[in-house]
PDB file of N, CA and C in Angstrom:
ATOM      1  N   MET A   1      28.430 -18.006  -1.743  1.00  0.00           N
ATOM      2  CA  MET A   1      27.619 -19.315  -1.794  1.00  0.00           C
ATOM      3  C   MET A   1      27.578 -19.698  -0.442  1.00  0.00           C
ATOM      4  N   ASN A   2      25.957 -20.084  -0.067  1.00  0.00           N
ATOM      5  CA  ASN A   2      25.625 -20.925   1.170  1.00  0.00           C
ATOM      6  C   ASN A   2      25.948 -22.243   0.826  1.00  0.00           C
ATOM      7  N   LYS A   3      26.809 -22.564   2.038  1.00  0.00           N
ATOM      8  CA  LYS A   3      27.118 -24.259   2.210  1.00  0.00           C
ATOM      9  C   LYS A   3      26.227 -24.771   3.354  1.00  0.00           C
ATOM     10  N   SER A   4      25.539 -25.643   3.521  1.00  0.00           N
ATOM     11  CA  SER A   4      24.872 -26.206   4.616  1.00  0.00           C
ATOM     12  C   SER A   4      25.980 -26.892   5.324  1.00  0.00           C
ATOM     13  N   PRO A   5      25.827 -27.106   6.637  1.00  0.00           N
ATOM     14  CA  PRO A   5      26.392 -27.758   7.250  1.00  0.00           C
ATOM     15  C   PRO A   5      26.775 -29.295   7.449  1.00  0.00           C
ATOM     16  N   ASP A   6      26.262 -30.003   6.354  1.00  0.00           N
ATOM     17  CA  ASP A   6      26.041 -31.350   6.027  1.00  0.00           C
ATOM     18  C   ASP A   6      27.407 -31.173   4.943  1.00  0.00           C
ATOM     19  N   VAL A   7      26.994 -30.454   4.049  1.00  0.00           N
ATOM     20  CA  VAL A   7      28.045 -30.707   2.903  1.00  0.00           C
ATOM     21  C   VAL A   7      29.547 -30.206   3.601  1.00  0.00           C
ATOM     22  N   GLY A   8      29.454 -29.231   4.266  1.00  0.00           N
ATOM     23  CA  GLY A   8      30.758 -29.028   5.036  1.00  0.00           C
ATOM     24  C   GLY A   8      31.648 -30.454   5.544  1.00  0.00           C
ATOM     25  N   GLN A   9      30.699 -30.704   6.507  1.00  0.00           N
ATOM     26  CA  GLN A   9      31.323 -32.041   7.154  1.00  0.00           C
ATOM     27  C   GLN A   9      31.804 -33.118   5.867  1.00  0.00           C
ATOM     28  N   ALA A  10      30.911 -33.297   4.895  1.00  0.00           N
ATOM     29  CA  ALA A  10      30.959 -34.317   4.063  1.00  0.00           C
ATOM     30  C   ALA A  10      32.400 -33.869   3.435  1.00  0.00           C
ATOM     31  N   THR A  11      32.780 -32.586   3.096  1.00  0.00           N
ATOM     32  CA  THR A  11      33.852 -32.323   2.486  1.00  0.00           C
ATOM     33  C   THR A  11      34.862 -32.386   3.427  1.00  0.00           C
ATOM     34  N   LYS A  12      34.919 -32.258   4.536  1.00  0.00           N
ATOM     35  CA  LYS A  12      36.109 -32.546   5.282  1.00  0.00           C
ATOM     36  C   LYS A  12      36.268 -34.020   5.630  1.00  0.00           C
ATOM     37  N   LYS A  13      35.238 -34.820   5.565  1.00  0.00           N
ATOM     38  CA  LYS A  13      35.730 -36.215   5.509  1.00  0.00           C
ATOM     39  C   LYS A  13      36.170 -36.726   4.546  1.00  0.00           C
ATOM     40  N   ARG A  14      35.825 -36.229   3.444  1.00  0.00           N
ATOM     41  CA  ARG A  14      36.650 -36.763   2.008  1.00  0.00           C
ATOM     42  C   ARG A  14      38.005 -36.497   2.179  1.00  0.00           C
ATOM     43  N   LYS A  15      38.426 -34.728   2.657  1.00  0.00           N
ATOM     44  CA  LYS A  15      39.726 -34.410   2.732  1.00  0.00           C
ATOM     45  C   LYS A  15      40.512 -35.529   3.524  1.00  0.00           C
ATOM     46  N   SER A  16      39.827 -35.776   4.603  1.00  0.00           N
ATOM     47  CA  SER A  16      40.813 -36.489   5.407  1.00  0.00           C
ATOM     48  C   SER A  16      41.042 -37.818   5.167  1.00  0.00           C
ATOM     49  N   CYS A  17      40.428 -38.622   3.772  1.00  0.00           N
ATOM     50  CA  CYS A  17      40.319 -39.831   3.694  1.00  0.00           C
ATOM     51  C   CYS A  17      40.050 -40.070   2.585  1.00  0.00           C
ATOM     52  N   PRO A  18      40.860 -39.277   1.047  1.00  0.00           N
ATOM     53  CA  PRO A  18      40.150 -39.315  -0.208  1.00  0.00           C
ATOM     54  C   PRO A  18      40.414 -40.499  -0.913  1.00  0.00           C
ATOM     55  N   LEU A  19      40.899 -41.722  -0.711  1.00  0.00           N
ATOM     56  CA  LEU A  19      41.008 -43.093  -1.107  1.00  0.00           C
ATOM     57  C   LEU A  19      40.319 -43.753  -0.352  1.00  0.00           C
ATOM     58  N   CYS A  20      39.481 -43.417   0.775  1.00  0.00           N
ATOM     59  CA  CYS A  20      38.672 -44.500   1.467  1.00  0.00           C
ATOM     60  C   CYS A  20      37.361 -44.379   0.882  1.00  0.00           C
ATOM     61  N   ILE A  21      36.696 -45.642   0.093  1.00  0.00           N
ATOM     62  CA  ILE A  21      35.990 -45.935  -0.357  1.00  0.00           C
ATOM     63  C   ILE A  21      35.217 -47.120   0.255  1.00  0.00           C
ATOM     64  N   PRO A  22      33.796 -47.199   0.662  1.00  0.00           N
ATOM     65  CA  PRO A  22      33.215 -48.158   1.257  1.00  0.00           C
ATOM     66  C   PRO A  22      33.010 -49.521   0.085  1.00  0.00           C
ATOM     67  N   TRP A  23      33.480 -50.840   0.477  1.00  0.00           N
ATOM     68  CA  TRP A  23      33.346 -51.900  -0.436  1.00  0.00           C
ATOM     69  C   TRP A  23      32.289 -51.802  -1.250  1.00  0.00           C
ATOM     70  N   ASP A  24      31.190 -51.510  -0.577  1.00  0.00           N
ATOM     71  CA  ASP A  24      29.763 -51.658  -1.287  1.00  0.00           C
ATOM     72  C   ASP A  24      29.389 -50.563  -2.522  1.00  0.00           C
ATOM     73  N   GLN A  25      30.592 -49.326  -2.708  1.00  0.00           N
ATOM     74  CA  GLN A  25      30.479 -48.411  -3.371  1.00  0.00           C
ATOM     75  C   GLN A  25      31.655 -48.802  -4.571  1.00  0.00           C
ATOM     76  N   MET A  26      32.359 -49.524  -4.510  1.00  0.00           N
ATOM     77  CA  MET A  26      33.470 -49.720  -5.355  1.00  0.00           C
ATOM     78  C   MET A  26      33.040 -49.819  -6.730  1.00  0.00           C
ATOM     79  N   LYS A  27      33.707 -49.676  -7.718  1.00  0.00           N
ATOM     80  CA  LYS A  27      33.233 -49.552  -9.289  1.00  0.00           C
ATOM     81  C   LYS A  27      33.553 -51.077  -9.331  1.00  0.00           C
ATOM     82  N   PRO A  28      32.821 -51.545 -10.434  1.00  0.00           N
ATOM     83  CA  PRO A  28      32.869 -52.886 -10.837  1.00  0.00           C
ATOM     84  C   PRO A  28      34.715 -53.244 -11.448  1.00  0.00           C
ATOM     85  N   ARG A  29      35.066 -52.181 -12.041  1.00  0.00           N
ATOM     86  CA  ARG A  29      36.163 -52.284 -12.341  1.00  0.00           C
ATOM     87  C   ARG A  29      37.589 -52.218 -11.533  1.00  0.00           C
ATOM     88  N   THR A  30      37.029 -51.730  -9.957  1.00  0.00           N
ATOM     89  CA  THR A  30      38.029 -51.643  -9.045  1.00  0.00           C
ATOM     90  C   THR A  30      37.819 -52.827  -8.248  1.00  0.00           C
ATOM     91  N   VAL A  31      36.697 -53.825  -8.443  1.00  0.00           N
ATOM     92  CA  VAL A  31      36.571 -54.996  -7.817  1.00  0.00           C
ATOM     93  C   VAL A  31      37.140 -56.163  -8.955  1.00  0.00           C
ATOM     94  N   TYR A  32      37.131 -55.948 -10.052  1.00  0.00           N
ATOM     95  CA  TYR A  32      37.819 -56.559 -11.161  1.00  0.00           C
ATOM     96  C   TYR A  32      39.296 -56.776 -10.445  1.00  0.00           C
ATOM     97  N   GLU A  33      39.937 -55.482 -10.915  1.00  0.00           N
ATOM     98  CA  GLU A  33      41.443 -55.233 -10.423  1.00  0.00           C
ATOM     99  C   GLU A  33      41.899 -55.790  -9.165  1.00  0.00           C
ATOM    100  N   LYS A  34      41.081 -55.868  -8.066  1.00  0.00           N
ATOM    101  CA  LYS A  34      41.233 -56.568  -7.029  1.00  0.00           C
ATOM    102  C   LYS A  34      41.320 -58.028  -7.201  1.00  0.00           C
ATOM    103  N   ALA A  35      40.111 -58.387  -7.571  1.00  0.00           N
ATOM    104  CA  ALA A  35      40.546 -60.054  -7.802  1.00  0.00           C
ATOM    105  C   ALA A  35      41.354 -60.449  -8.724  1.00  0.00           C
ATOM    106  N   VAL A  36      41.703 -59.593  -9.720  1.00  0.00           N
ATOM    107  CA  VAL A  36      43.236 -60.055 -10.521  1.00  0.00           C
ATOM    108  C   VAL A  36      44.482 -60.088 -10.071  1.00  0.00           C
ATOM    109  N   GLN A  37      44.297 -58.828  -8.592  1.00  0.00           N
ATOM    110  CA  GLN A  37      45.555 -58.895  -7.951  1.00  0.00           C
ATOM    111  C   GLN A  37      45.810 -60.221  -6.878  1.00  0.00           C
ATOM    112  N   ASP A  38      44.392 -60.471  -6.293  1.00  0.00           N
ATOM    113  CA  ASP A  38      44.594 -61.385  -5.207  1.00  0.00           C
ATOM    114  C   ASP A  38      44.689 -62.744  -5.900  1.00  0.00           C
ATOM    115  N   PHE A  39      44.187 -62.986  -7.101  1.00  0.00           N
ATOM    116  CA  PHE A  39      44.555 -63.925  -8.085  1.00  0.00           C
ATOM    117  C   PHE A  39      46.259 -64.057  -8.120  1.00  0.00           C
ATOM    118  N   THR A  40      46.570 -63.320  -8.560  1.00  0.00           N
ATOM    119  CA  THR A  40      47.971 -63.157  -8.811  1.00  0.00           C
ATOM    120  C   THR A  40      48.676 -63.648  -8.054  1.00  0.00           C
ATOM    121  N   GLU A  41      48.369 -62.786  -6.833  1.00  0.00           N
ATOM    122  CA  GLU A  41      49.414 -63.270  -5.607  1.00  0.00           C
ATOM    123  C   GLU A  41      49.263 -65.042  -5.438  1.00  0.00           C
ATOM    124  N   THR A  42      47.916 -65.480  -5.477  1.00  0.00           N
ATOM    125  CA  THR A  42      47.666 -66.764  -5.056  1.00  0.00           C
ATOM    126  C   THR A  42      48.538 -67.745  -5.982  1.00  0.00           C
ATOM    127  N   ALA A  43      48.468 -67.657  -7.292  1.00  0.00           N
ATOM    128  CA  ALA A  43      49.057 -68.063  -8.479  1.00  0.00           C
ATOM    129  C   ALA A  43      50.360 -68.082  -8.460  1.00  0.00           C
ATOM    130  N   GLN A  44      50.985 -66.927  -7.698  1.00  0.00           N
ATOM    131  CA  GLN A  44      52.675 -67.001  -7.512  1.00  0.00           C
ATOM    132  C   GLN A  44      52.719 -67.730  -6.255  1.00  0.00           C
ATOM    133  N   GLN A  45      52.222 -67.874  -5.460  1.00  0.00           N
ATOM    134  CA  GLN A  45      52.445 -68.239  -4.361  1.00  0.00           C
ATOM    135  C   GLN A  45      52.495 -70.230  -4.524  1.00  0.00           C
ATOM    136  N   LEU A  46      51.467 -70.527  -5.304  1.00  0.00           N
ATOM    137  CA  LEU A  46      51.642 -71.693  -6.028  1.00  0.00           C
ATOM    138  C   LEU A  46      52.487 -72.268  -6.681  1.00  0.00           C
ATOM    139  N   ALA A  47      52.878 -71.462  -7.755  1.00  0.00           N
ATOM    140  CA  ALA A  47      54.077 -71.689  -8.343  1.00  0.00           C
ATOM    141  C   ALA A  47      55.079 -71.828  -7.585  1.00  0.00           C
ATOM    142  N   ARG A  48      55.456 -70.833  -6.762  1.00  0.00           N
ATOM    143  CA  ARG A  48      56.804 -71.056  -5.886  1.00  0.00           C
ATOM    144  C   ARG A  48      56.739 -72.729  -5.222  1.00  0.00           C
ATOM    145  N   LEU A  49      55.513 -72.857  -4.735  1.00  0.00           N
ATOM    146  CA  LEU A  49      55.371 -74.140  -4.281  1.00  0.00           C
ATOM    147  C   LEU A  49      55.312 -75.180  -4.776  1.00  0.00           C
ATOM    148  N   ASN A  50      55.063 -75.232  -6.191  1.00  0.00           N
ATOM    149  CA  ASN A  50      55.308 -76.366  -6.987  1.00  0.00           C
ATOM    150  C   ASN A  50      55.422 -76.130  -8.437  1.00  0.00           C
ATOM    151  N   GLN A  51      56.698 -76.792  -8.990  1.00  0.00           N
ATOM    152  CA  GLN A  51      57.354 -76.025 -10.273  1.00  0.00           C
ATOM    153  C   GLN A  51      56.465 -76.545 -11.155  1.00  0.00           C
ATOM    154  N   HIS A  52      55.307 -77.822 -11.357  1.00  0.00           N
ATOM    155  CA  HIS A  52      54.497 -78.309 -12.230  1.00  0.00           C
ATOM    156  C   HIS A  52      53.297 -77.412 -12.667  1.00  0.00           C
ATOM    157  N   PHE A  53      53.351 -76.334 -11.559  1.00  0.00           N
ATOM    158  CA  PHE A  53      51.973 -75.455 -11.535  1.00  0.00           C
ATOM    159  C   PHE A  53      52.360 -74.517 -12.896  1.00  0.00           C
ATOM    160  N   LEU A  54      53.643 -74.164 -13.191  1.00  0.00           N
ATOM    161  CA  LEU A  54      54.169 -73.287 -14.131  1.00  0.00           C
ATOM    162  C   LEU A  54      53.850 -74.025 -15.639  1.00  0.00           C
ATOM    163  N   GLN A  55      53.869 -75.505 -15.467  1.00  0.00           N
ATOM    164  CA  GLN A  55      53.598 -76.308 -17.099  1.00  0.00           C
ATOM    165  C   GLN A  55      51.982 -76.624 -17.077  1.00  0.00           C
ATOM    166  N   ALA A  56      51.246 -76.085 -16.367  1.00  0.00           N
ATOM    167  CA  ALA A  56      49.372 -76.181 -16.253  1.00  0.00           C
ATOM    168  C   ALA A  56      48.980 -75.619 -17.423  1.00  0.00           C
ATOM    169  N   SER A  57      47.816 -76.502 -18.285  1.00  0.00           N
ATOM    170  CA  SER A  57      47.072 -76.053 -19.132  1.00  0.00           C
ATOM    171  C   SER A  57      46.116 -74.948 -18.387  1.00  0.00           C
ATOM    172  N   PHE A  58      45.557 -74.236 -19.463  1.00  0.00           N
ATOM    173  CA  PHE A  58      44.357 -73.316 -18.461  1.00  0.00           C
ATOM    174  C   PHE A  58      43.565 -73.973 -17.852  1.00  0.00           C
ATOM    175  N   ALA A  59      42.800 -75.312 -18.090  1.00  0.00           N
ATOM    176  CA  ALA A  59      41.926 -75.931 -17.294  1.00  0.00           C
ATOM    177  C   ALA A  59      42.617 -76.553 -16.159  1.00  0.00           C
ATOM    178  N   GLU A  60      43.869 -77.026 -15.964  1.00  0.00           N
ATOM    179  CA  GLU A  60      44.388 -77.278 -14.709  1.00  0.00           C
ATOM    180  C   GLU A  60      44.900 -75.922 -13.798  1.00  0.00           C
ATOM    181  N   PHE A  61      44.923 -74.963 -14.457  1.00  0.00           N
ATOM    182  CA  PHE A  61      45.424 -73.680 -13.917  1.00  0.00           C
ATOM    183  C   PHE A  61      44.102 -73.168 -12.654  1.00  0.00           C
ATOM    184  N   GLU A  62      42.684 -73.493 -13.771  1.00  0.00           N
ATOM    185  CA  GLU A  62      41.659 -73.339 -12.673  1.00  0.00           C
ATOM    186  C   GLU A  62      41.391 -74.381 -11.809  1.00  0.00           C
ATOM    187  N   MET A  63      41.573 -75.431 -11.905  1.00  0.00           N
ATOM    188  CA  MET A  63      41.383 -76.278 -10.942  1.00  0.00           C
ATOM    189  C   MET A  63      42.457 -76.238  -9.828  1.00  0.00           C
ATOM    190  N   LEU A  64      43.893 -75.804 -10.189  1.00  0.00           N
ATOM    191  CA  LEU A  64      44.863 -75.762  -8.981  1.00  0.00           C
ATOM    192  C   LEU A  64      44.242 -74.359  -8.394  1.00  0.00           C
ATOM    193  N   MET A  65      43.854 -73.215  -8.884  1.00  0.00           N
ATOM    194  CA  MET A  65      43.471 -72.267  -8.129  1.00  0.00           C
ATOM    195  C   MET A  65      42.364 -72.443  -7.374  1.00  0.00           C
ATOM    196  N   GLY A  66      41.776 -73.560  -7.097  1.00  0.00           N
ATOM    197  CA  GLY A  66      40.656 -73.880  -6.251  1.00  0.00           C
ATOM    198  C   GLY A  66      39.998 -72.688  -6.076  1.00  0.00           C
ATOM    199  N   LEU A  67      39.108 -72.173  -6.859  1.00  0.00           N
ATOM    200  CA  LEU A  67      38.156 -70.756  -6.775  1.00  0.00           C
ATOM    201  C   LEU A  67      36.582 -71.724  -6.619  1.00  0.00           C
ATOM    202  N   ASP A  68      36.052 -71.620  -5.318  1.00  0.00           N
ATOM    203  CA  ASP A  68      34.704 -72.396  -5.430  1.00  0.00           C
ATOM    204  C   ASP A  68      33.722 -71.060  -5.311  1.00  0.00           C
ATOM    205  N   ASP A  69      32.551 -71.568  -4.731  1.00  0.00           N
ATOM    206  CA  ASP A  69      31.680 -70.468  -5.211  1.00  0.00           C
ATOM    207  C   ASP A  69      31.414 -69.478  -4.045  1.00  0.00           C
ATOM    208  N   GLU A  70      32.311 -69.807  -2.856  1.00  0.00           N
ATOM    209  CA  GLU A  70      32.395 -68.778  -1.663  1.00  0.00           C
ATOM    210  C   GLU A  70      33.385 -67.398  -2.063  1.00  0.00           C
ATOM    211  N   VAL A  71      34.360 -68.020  -2.854  1.00  0.00           N
ATOM    212  CA  VAL A  71      35.322 -67.092  -3.497  1.00  0.00           C
ATOM    213  C   VAL A  71      34.557 -66.299  -4.700  1.00  0.00           C
ATOM    214  N   LEU A  72      33.764 -66.908  -5.228  1.00  0.00           N
ATOM    215  CA  LEU A  72      33.272 -65.646  -6.424  1.00  0.00           C
ATOM    216  C   LEU A  72      32.180 -64.802  -5.512  1.00  0.00           C
ATOM    217  N   LYS A  73      31.449 -65.477  -4.530  1.00  0.00           N
ATOM    218  CA  LYS A  73      30.454 -64.305  -3.803  1.00  0.00           C
ATOM    219  C   LYS A  73      31.229 -63.278  -2.995  1.00  0.00           C
ATOM    220  N   ARG A  74      32.490 -63.759  -2.773  1.00  0.00           N
ATOM    221  CA  ARG A  74      33.137 -62.552  -1.740  1.00  0.00           C
ATOM    222  C   ARG A  74      33.591 -61.524  -2.905  1.00  0.00           C
ATOM    223  N   TYR A  75      33.819 -61.658  -4.043  1.00  0.00           N
ATOM    224  CA  TYR A  75      34.083 -60.380  -4.968  1.00  0.00           C
ATOM    225  C   TYR A  75      32.892 -60.180  -5.691  1.00  0.00           C
ATOM    226  N   GLY A  76      31.952 -60.414  -5.733  1.00  0.00           N
ATOM    227  CA  GLY A  76      30.407 -60.436  -6.419  1.00  0.00           C
ATOM    228  C   GLY A  76      30.572 -60.116  -7.900  1.00  0.00           C
ATOM    229  N   LEU A  77      31.281 -60.900  -8.813  1.00  0.00           N
ATOM    230  CA  LEU A  77      31.581 -60.595 -10.165  1.00  0.00           C
ATOM    231  C   LEU A  77      31.046 -61.769 -10.669  1.00  0.00           C
ATOM    232  N   PRO A  78      30.400 -61.494 -11.740  1.00  0.00           N
ATOM    233  CA  PRO A  78      29.538 -62.760 -12.765  1.00  0.00           C
ATOM    234  C   PRO A  78      31.015 -63.741 -12.927  1.00  0.00           C
ATOM    235  N   LYS A  79      30.300 -65.038 -13.232  1.00  0.00           N
ATOM    236  CA  LYS A  79      31.231 -66.090 -13.645  1.00  0.00           C
ATOM    237  C   LYS A  79      32.296 -65.511 -14.852  1.00  0.00           C
ATOM    238  N   PRO A  80      31.633 -65.268 -15.829  1.00  0.00           N
ATOM    239  CA  PRO A  80      32.294 -64.723 -16.839  1.00  0.00           C
ATOM    240  C   PRO A  80      33.442 -63.804 -16.817  1.00  0.00           C
ATOM    241  N   THR A  81      33.203 -62.996 -15.803  1.00  0.00           N
ATOM    242  CA  THR A  81      34.274 -61.816 -15.610  1.00  0.00           C
ATOM    243  C   THR A  81      35.222 -62.433 -14.596  1.00  0.00           C
ATOM    244  N   VAL A  82      35.095 -63.621 -13.706  1.00  0.00           N
ATOM    245  CA  VAL A  82      35.801 -64.307 -13.058  1.00  0.00           C
ATOM    246  C   VAL A  82      36.848 -65.198 -13.912  1.00  0.00           C
ATOM    247  N   GLU A  83      36.328 -65.578 -15.001  1.00  0.00           N
ATOM    248  CA  GLU A  83      37.262 -66.482 -15.819  1.00  0.00           C
ATOM    249  C   GLU A  83      38.107 -65.509 -17.066  1.00  0.00           C
ATOM    250  N   ARG A  84      37.544 -64.172 -17.053  1.00  0.00           N
ATOM    251  CA  ARG A  84      38.566 -63.306 -17.687  1.00  0.00           C
ATOM    252  C   ARG A  84      39.655 -62.942 -16.743  1.00  0.00           C
ATOM    253  N   ALA A  85      39.543 -62.873 -15.535  1.00  0.00           N
ATOM    254  CA  ALA A  85      40.446 -62.600 -14.609  1.00  0.00           C
ATOM    255  C   ALA A  85      41.360 -63.434 -14.465  1.00  0.00           C
ATOM    256  N   LEU A  86      40.981 -64.659 -14.439  1.00  0.00           N
ATOM    257  CA  LEU A  86      41.605 -65.750 -14.254  1.00  0.00           C
ATOM    258  C   LEU A  86      42.652 -66.036 -15.671  1.00  0.00           C
ATOM    259  N   LEU A  87      42.068 -65.923 -16.715  1.00  0.00           N
ATOM    260  CA  LEU A  87      43.111 -65.898 -18.006  1.00  0.00           C
ATOM    261  C   LEU A  87      43.991 -64.743 -17.742  1.00  0.00           C
ATOM    262  N   GLU A  88      43.742 -63.889 -17.582  1.00  0.00           N
ATOM    263  CA  GLU A  88      44.577 -62.617 -17.086  1.00  0.00           C
ATOM    264  C   GLU A  88      45.875 -63.160 -16.247  1.00  0.00           C
ATOM    265  N   VAL A  89      45.459 -63.749 -15.428  1.00  0.00           N
ATOM    266  CA  VAL A  89      46.347 -64.253 -14.367  1.00  0.00           C
ATOM    267  C   VAL A  89      47.135 -65.268 -15.024  1.00  0.00           C
ATOM    268  N   TYR A  90      46.505 -65.976 -15.555  1.00  0.00           N
ATOM    269  CA  TYR A  90      47.439 -67.311 -16.324  1.00  0.00           C
ATOM    270  C   TYR A  90      48.182 -66.835 -17.140  1.00  0.00           C
ATOM    271  N   GLN A  91      48.055 -65.652 -18.184  1.00  0.00           N
ATOM    272  CA  GLN A  91      48.874 -65.185 -18.891  1.00  0.00           C
ATOM    273  C   GLN A  91      50.030 -64.584 -18.215  1.00  0.00           C
ATOM    274  N   THR A  92      49.674 -63.688 -17.346  1.00  0.00           N
ATOM    275  CA  THR A  92      51.049 -62.969 -16.509  1.00  0.00           C
ATOM    276  C   THR A  92      51.891 -64.133 -16.100  1.00  0.00           C
ATOM    277  N   VAL A  93      51.177 -65.043 -15.027  1.00  0.00           N
ATOM    278  CA  VAL A  93      51.854 -65.962 -13.945  1.00  0.00           C
ATOM    279  C   VAL A  93      52.500 -67.310 -14.987  1.00  0.00           C
ATOM    280  N   VAL A  94      51.685 -67.804 -15.708  1.00  0.00           N
ATOM    281  CA  VAL A  94      52.257 -69.064 -16.354  1.00  0.00           C
ATOM    282  C   VAL A  94      52.484 -68.729 -17.798  1.00  0.00           C
ATOM    283  N   LEU A  95      52.050 -68.179 -18.725  1.00  0.00           N
ATOM    284  CA  LEU A  95      52.543 -67.984 -19.805  1.00  0.00           C
ATOM    285  C   LEU A  95      54.029 -66.989 -19.943  1.00  0.00           C
ATOM    286  N   ASP A  96      53.802 -66.298 -19.211  1.00  0.00           N
ATOM    287  CA  ASP A  96      55.292 -65.370 -19.189  1.00  0.00           C
ATOM    288  C   ASP A  96      56.369 -65.841 -18.696  1.00  0.00           C
ATOM    289  N   GLN A  97      56.104 -66.840 -18.129  1.00  0.00           N
ATOM    290  CA  GLN A  97      57.204 -67.701 -17.446  1.00  0.00           C
ATOM    291  C   GLN A  97      57.913 -68.601 -18.664  1.00  0.00           C
ATOM    292  N   ARG A  98      57.180 -69.007 -19.328  1.00  0.00           N
ATOM    293  CA  ARG A  98      57.527 -69.971 -20.291  1.00  0.00           C
ATOM    294  C   ARG A  98      58.525 -69.302 -21.415  1.00  0.00           C
ATOM    295  N   ARG A  99      58.352 -68.176 -21.385  1.00  0.00           N
ATOM    296  CA  ARG A  99      59.052 -67.294 -22.737  1.00  0.00           C
ATOM    297  C   ARG A  99      60.464 -67.043 -22.080  1.00  0.00           C
TER     298      ARG A  99
END
């Protein structure tokens, strides 16, 4: 099998850093998971700073998280997807603490 030099170099690059994926080539699921991870970290920090945070309704939780349009642009996710991510974080951080 003949390999062109370009294919060989691409393979070497991939082997040297198998998990390095440019941001613009990430799959939406990966971006979603990153957003959930970041939102969870933020919510946990807020919960440590303010005990009332753990008693918040979902509407209050959204407001306290302070996600504005700039944050949404950073992830490039549609608003309904961000809402779903926030709901997942709310269930993890707030509702699980109540149990």
